[in-house]
Amino acid sequence: MRLRFFAVLIFGIMTCFAQSSDDVKELLKELANPATTSNAASRLIKVAHAYTEPRKLINQQLPTMLLQTRDVPVVQSEAKVAGALRLESAIPSLIQLLSWFNYDGNTTLSGMSQLKYDPVARALYEIGGPADPALSEALESNDLETRRRVASILVLRNTPETKTILRKHLDKEPDSHLKNFIQLNLDK
């Protein structure tokens, strides 16, 4: 009797994961669709927090998806998922997006300093320490906007490791405004 109970239980669990995997595949399709992307992002985050198998599928597919579109709402939703799930696999894709994906420039200074309107930078911030080596490398970019956004992420994180990265970069920073921003935040 017990053996049968466990067999039914295991079958039920396996069926649940199979359904979750199919659901995740469908949600990933919805995530890539501008009309359904926001809702799909919220649902993916919930599913990934509840089950490990769907999280693995998201972890495998999202880094490529991030680079497959230039549709702003889709990138915002994908970055939201990457940050909420702290997907280390998405770090290289998010770093690449820093050079072309820009948030709405009509924001408050407070919103900008908290990365509220910059979902790509916010995702890297939420991933945290595992993103530090890639952020350190991106701080060497020829693109001023990329360096500015990376500096904002590192300043907001405000850890001994991020301060070390900023100190090492300070003398090499060619832009005087960004250099002052970094120095002011290191002096705090």
Protein backbone atom coordinates (compact mmCIF):
# COMPACT_ATOMS: atom_id res chain seq x y z
CA MET A 1 0.00 0.00 0.00
CA ARG A 2 2.77 2.45 0.93
CA LEU A 3 4.73 1.60 -2.18
CA ARG A 4 1.72 2.38 -4.36
CA PHE A 5 1.19 5.68 -2.52
CA PHE A 6 4.80 6.74 -3.15
CA ALA A 7 4.60 5.68 -6.80
CA VAL A 8 1.48 7.83 -7.28
CA LEU A 9 3.13 10.71 -5.42
CA ILE A 10 6.29 10.53 -7.55
CA PHE A 11 4.23 10.32 -10.74
CA GLY A 12 2.27 13.38 -9.62
CA ILE A 13 5.43 15.33 -8.92
CA MET A 14 6.94 14.37 -12.28
CA THR A 15 3.72 15.39 -14.05
CA CYS A 16 3.78 18.71 -12.21
CA PHE A 17 7.35 19.40 -13.40
CA ALA A 18 6.49 18.39 -16.96
CA GLN A 19 3.54 20.77 -16.92
CA SER A 20 5.68 23.47 -15.36
CA SER A 21 8.28 23.02 -18.09
CA ASP A 22 5.63 23.35 -20.80
CA ASP A 23 4.17 26.34 -18.98
CA VAL A 24 7.60 27.95 -18.80
CA LYS A 25 8.20 27.42 -22.50
CA GLU A 26 4.88 29.11 -23.22
CA LEU A 27 5.66 31.95 -20.80
CA LEU A 28 9.04 32.47 -22.45
CA LYS A 29 7.24 32.87 -25.78
CA GLU A 30 4.89 35.37 -24.15
CA LEU A 31 7.89 37.19 -22.65
CA ALA A 32 9.24 37.77 -26.16
CA ASN A 33 5.91 39.22 -27.33
CA PRO A 34 5.51 42.99 -26.70
CA ALA A 35 1.76 42.54 -26.09
CA THR A 36 2.19 39.98 -23.31
CA THR A 37 5.72 40.58 -22.03
CA SER A 38 4.96 42.38 -18.77
CA ASN A 39 2.43 39.82 -17.53
CA ALA A 40 4.68 36.95 -18.62
CA ALA A 41 7.62 38.41 -16.67
CA SER A 42 5.61 38.50 -13.45
CA ARG A 43 4.34 34.97 -13.95
CA LEU A 44 7.82 33.63 -14.80
CA ILE A 45 9.25 35.12 -11.65
CA LYS A 46 6.54 33.44 -9.55
CA VAL A 47 7.00 30.07 -11.25
CA ALA A 48 10.79 30.21 -10.92
CA HIS A 49 10.55 31.00 -7.23
CA ALA A 50 8.20 28.08 -6.70
CA TYR A 51 9.99 25.37 -8.74
CA THR A 52 13.63 24.61 -9.52
CA GLU A 53 13.18 22.94 -12.91
CA PRO A 54 11.48 25.93 -14.56
CA ARG A 55 14.23 28.17 -13.17
CA LYS A 56 16.83 26.03 -14.95
CA LEU A 57 15.03 26.48 -18.27
CA ILE A 58 14.76 30.24 -17.76
CA ASN A 59 18.44 30.36 -16.79
CA GLN A 60 19.36 28.59 -20.05
CA GLN A 61 17.17 30.58 -22.43
CA LEU A 62 16.99 34.12 -21.09
CA PRO A 63 20.60 35.22 -21.84
CA THR A 64 20.07 34.57 -25.56
CA MET A 65 16.60 36.08 -25.52
CA LEU A 66 17.96 39.33 -24.05
CA LEU A 67 20.06 39.89 -27.17
CA GLN A 68 17.47 38.79 -29.75
CA THR A 69 15.27 41.89 -29.71
CA ARG A 70 15.51 45.63 -29.64
CA ASP A 71 11.90 45.99 -28.51
CA VAL A 72 12.08 48.16 -25.39
CA PRO A 73 9.20 46.64 -23.39
CA VAL A 74 10.49 43.13 -24.10
CA VAL A 75 14.03 43.98 -23.01
CA GLN A 76 12.66 45.68 -19.89
CA SER A 77 10.65 42.59 -18.96
CA GLU A 78 13.49 40.20 -19.70
CA ALA A 79 15.89 42.30 -17.62
CA LYS A 80 13.31 42.36 -14.81
CA VAL A 81 13.24 38.55 -14.81
CA ALA A 82 17.04 38.31 -14.88
CA GLY A 83 17.37 40.65 -11.91
CA ALA A 84 14.52 39.21 -9.85
CA LEU A 85 15.92 35.70 -10.26
CA ARG A 86 19.55 36.91 -9.94
CA LEU A 87 20.51 34.96 -13.03
CA GLU A 88 24.30 34.94 -13.26
CA SER A 89 24.02 33.43 -16.74
CA ALA A 90 22.45 36.70 -17.93
CA ILE A 91 25.38 38.91 -16.84
CA PRO A 92 27.25 38.94 -20.21
CA SER A 93 24.03 39.74 -22.10
CA LEU A 94 23.08 42.49 -19.66
CA ILE A 95 26.57 44.00 -19.96
CA GLN A 96 26.20 44.05 -23.76
CA LEU A 97 22.83 45.76 -23.42
CA LEU A 98 24.35 48.63 -21.43
CA SER A 99 25.85 50.02 -24.63
CA TRP A 100 22.59 50.34 -26.58
CA PHE A 101 19.57 49.96 -24.32
CA ASN A 102 18.79 53.24 -22.65
CA TYR A 103 16.10 54.04 -20.18
CA ASP A 104 13.76 57.04 -20.34
CA GLY A 105 15.95 60.09 -19.85
CA ASN A 106 13.08 62.14 -18.37
CA THR A 107 13.47 60.90 -14.81
CA THR A 108 14.22 62.41 -11.45
CA LEU A 109 17.71 62.34 -10.00
CA SER A 110 16.41 60.16 -7.20
CA GLY A 111 14.95 57.69 -9.69
CA MET A 112 18.19 57.66 -11.67
CA SER A 113 20.34 57.13 -8.57
CA GLN A 114 18.20 54.15 -7.56
CA LEU A 115 18.22 52.77 -11.14
CA LYS A 116 14.40 52.72 -11.06
CA TYR A 117 14.07 53.53 -14.75
CA ASP A 118 17.03 51.52 -16.01
CA PRO A 119 15.98 47.85 -15.91
CA VAL A 120 19.22 46.58 -17.42
CA ALA A 121 21.41 48.34 -14.85
CA ARG A 122 18.91 47.45 -12.12
CA ALA A 123 19.18 43.74 -13.05
CA LEU A 124 22.97 43.87 -12.76
CA TYR A 125 22.60 45.62 -9.40
CA GLU A 126 20.17 42.93 -8.18
CA ILE A 127 22.47 40.11 -9.31
CA GLY A 128 25.07 41.67 -7.04
CA GLY A 129 28.58 40.40 -6.36
CA PRO A 130 28.69 37.81 -9.15
CA ALA A 131 28.41 40.70 -11.64
CA ASP A 132 31.43 42.57 -10.20
CA PRO A 133 34.11 41.16 -12.57
CA ALA A 134 31.99 41.95 -15.64
CA LEU A 135 31.15 45.40 -14.31
CA SER A 136 34.81 46.08 -13.64
CA GLU A 137 35.62 45.16 -17.22
CA ALA A 138 32.73 47.26 -18.58
CA LEU A 139 34.07 50.24 -16.67
CA GLU A 140 36.94 50.20 -19.19
CA SER A 141 34.52 50.68 -22.12
CA ASN A 142 35.10 53.45 -24.67
CA ASP A 143 31.40 54.30 -24.34
CA LEU A 144 30.83 57.02 -21.73
CA GLU A 145 27.18 56.04 -21.18
CA THR A 146 28.20 52.46 -20.39
CA ARG A 147 30.84 53.67 -17.92
CA ARG A 148 28.37 56.06 -16.29
CA ARG A 149 25.77 53.35 -15.83
CA VAL A 150 28.34 50.88 -14.48
CA ALA A 151 29.60 53.50 -12.02
CA SER A 152 26.00 54.10 -10.88
CA ILE A 153 25.51 50.37 -10.27
CA LEU A 154 28.74 50.12 -8.29
CA VAL A 155 28.01 53.26 -6.25
CA LEU A 156 24.52 52.05 -5.40
CA ARG A 157 25.82 48.63 -4.31
CA ASN A 158 28.29 50.39 -2.01
CA THR A 159 30.30 47.36 -0.90
CA PRO A 160 34.02 47.17 -0.13
CA GLU A 161 34.44 45.25 -3.42
CA THR A 162 32.63 47.85 -5.51
CA LYS A 163 34.58 50.66 -3.86
CA THR A 164 37.82 48.86 -4.75
CA ILE A 165 36.71 48.59 -8.38
CA LEU A 166 35.86 52.31 -8.47
CA ARG A 167 39.17 53.32 -6.80
CA LYS A 168 41.16 51.28 -9.34
CA HIS A 169 39.31 52.96 -12.19
CA LEU A 170 39.32 56.53 -10.88
CA ASP A 171 42.69 57.64 -12.28
CA LYS A 172 41.94 56.07 -15.68
CA GLU A 173 38.53 57.75 -16.12
CA PRO A 174 38.82 60.26 -19.00
CA ASP A 175 35.51 62.09 -18.40
CA SER A 176 35.87 64.77 -15.73
CA HIS A 177 32.17 64.67 -14.72
CA LEU A 178 32.17 60.93 -14.24
CA LYS A 179 35.50 61.12 -12.44
CA ASN A 180 34.02 63.70 -10.03
CA PHE A 181 30.93 61.52 -9.51
CA ILE A 182 33.08 58.55 -8.62
CA GLN A 183 35.33 60.59 -6.31
CA LEU A 184 32.40 62.17 -4.49
CA ASN A 185 30.88 58.78 -3.82
CA LEU A 186 34.16 57.26 -2.69
CA ASP A 187 34.58 60.13 -0.22
CA LYS A 188 31.24 59.40 1.47
